[in-house]
Protein backbone atom coordinates (compact mmCIF):
# COMPACT_ATOMS: atom_id res chain seq x y z
CA MET A 1 -1.59 -25.90 -42.60
CA ARG A 2 -2.87 -24.15 -45.64
CA ASP A 3 -1.84 -24.44 -49.12
CA GLY A 4 1.12 -22.29 -50.21
CA ILE A 5 0.50 -19.48 -52.69
CA ASN A 6 0.56 -20.11 -56.39
CA GLU A 7 3.48 -18.45 -58.46
CA GLU A 8 1.24 -15.50 -60.29
CA THR A 9 -0.38 -14.16 -56.99
CA CYS A 10 3.04 -14.57 -55.18
CA ARG A 11 4.58 -12.36 -58.04
CA GLU A 12 2.04 -9.64 -57.90
CA GLU A 13 2.13 -9.91 -53.96
CA LEU A 14 5.80 -9.43 -54.16
CA ARG A 15 5.59 -6.66 -56.75
CA SER A 16 3.28 -4.73 -54.42
CA TYR A 17 5.44 -5.06 -51.64
CA ILE A 18 8.56 -4.10 -53.31
CA GLU A 19 7.13 -1.03 -54.85
CA ARG A 20 5.44 -0.03 -51.83
CA GLU A 21 7.77 -0.85 -49.01
CA LEU A 22 11.44 -0.98 -51.12
CA LEU A 23 10.96 1.79 -53.49
CA PHE A 24 11.48 5.39 -53.29
CA SER A 25 9.77 6.46 -56.26
CA GLU A 26 6.95 5.70 -58.32
CA GLU A 27 8.99 3.14 -60.45
CA ARG A 28 7.37 0.17 -61.04
CA ILE A 29 9.44 -3.13 -61.20
CA GLU A 30 9.14 -5.49 -64.12
CA ASP A 31 9.31 -9.27 -64.13
CA ASP A 32 12.70 -9.42 -65.34
CA THR A 33 13.97 -6.23 -63.36
CA ALA A 34 17.83 -7.30 -61.85
CA LEU A 35 16.64 -6.86 -58.13
CA ILE A 36 20.22 -7.04 -56.94
CA ALA A 37 22.06 -5.51 -59.75
CA ASP A 38 19.92 -2.58 -60.18
CA GLY A 39 19.76 -2.20 -56.55
CA VAL A 40 16.39 -2.55 -55.48
CA LEU A 41 17.36 -5.11 -53.21
CA ASP A 42 20.39 -5.16 -50.50
CA SER A 43 20.92 -7.04 -47.23
CA ILE A 44 18.76 -5.23 -45.22
CA SER A 45 15.67 -5.12 -47.79
CA ILE A 46 15.95 -8.83 -48.20
CA VAL A 47 15.56 -9.44 -44.73
CA SER A 48 12.58 -7.41 -44.69
CA LEU A 49 11.29 -9.18 -47.65
CA PHE A 50 11.66 -12.29 -46.08
CA ALA A 51 9.81 -11.13 -42.95
CA PHE A 52 7.02 -10.16 -45.47
CA LEU A 53 7.35 -13.78 -46.92
CA GLU A 54 6.80 -15.35 -43.57
CA GLU A 55 4.48 -12.70 -41.87
CA ASP A 56 2.26 -11.38 -44.24
CA LEU A 57 1.91 -14.30 -47.03
CA GLY A 58 2.55 -16.97 -44.30
CA LEU A 59 5.26 -19.02 -46.05
CA VAL A 60 8.22 -20.64 -44.11
CA VAL A 61 11.50 -19.41 -45.51
CA PRO A 62 14.26 -21.73 -44.71
CA GLU A 63 17.34 -20.86 -41.98
CA ASP A 64 19.63 -22.08 -44.24
CA ARG A 65 21.15 -19.97 -47.03
CA VAL A 66 18.94 -19.15 -49.81
CA PRO A 67 20.60 -19.14 -53.23
CA ILE A 68 21.46 -15.98 -54.75
CA ASP A 69 20.27 -16.97 -58.11
CA LYS A 70 16.61 -17.09 -56.70
CA LEU A 71 16.66 -13.20 -56.04
CA GLU A 72 17.56 -12.26 -59.08
CA THR A 73 14.29 -11.04 -60.57
CA LEU A 74 10.80 -11.01 -59.66
CA THR A 75 10.35 -14.07 -61.64
CA THR A 76 12.82 -16.14 -60.27
CA LEU A 77 12.07 -15.07 -56.75
CA SER A 78 8.23 -15.47 -57.21
CA ALA A 79 8.88 -19.06 -58.71
CA TRP A 80 11.16 -19.81 -55.69
CA ALA A 81 8.89 -18.46 -53.14
CA SER A 82 5.66 -20.34 -54.53
CA THR A 83 7.30 -23.52 -53.42
CA LEU A 84 8.17 -22.61 -49.95
CA PRO A 85 5.75 -24.53 -47.36
CA ALA A 86 2.88 -22.57 -45.51
CA ARG A 87 3.34 -22.01 -42.07
CA SER A 88 1.54 -24.41 -39.65
CA LEU A 89 -1.71 -22.70 -37.60
CA GLY A 90 -1.56 -25.45 -35.35
């Protein structure tokens, strides 16, 4: 199993993914952008985001309920995601 991802790298990977795949403009999200309140994330895009974390970053997203406060901003999202375990390669 490889190590997880550090928080800074995770934040930049998430920022890039969200801007490229979830925003429909040239808008840039800031670390403190309210992802749900500002309409950046909805239920469908959250599923897509979790798939990105698992498939592209190799992290294991828990199957149980993820607390909504972990999805509030890019900062809270990356802090949470950087603690996720890496997927086992074996």
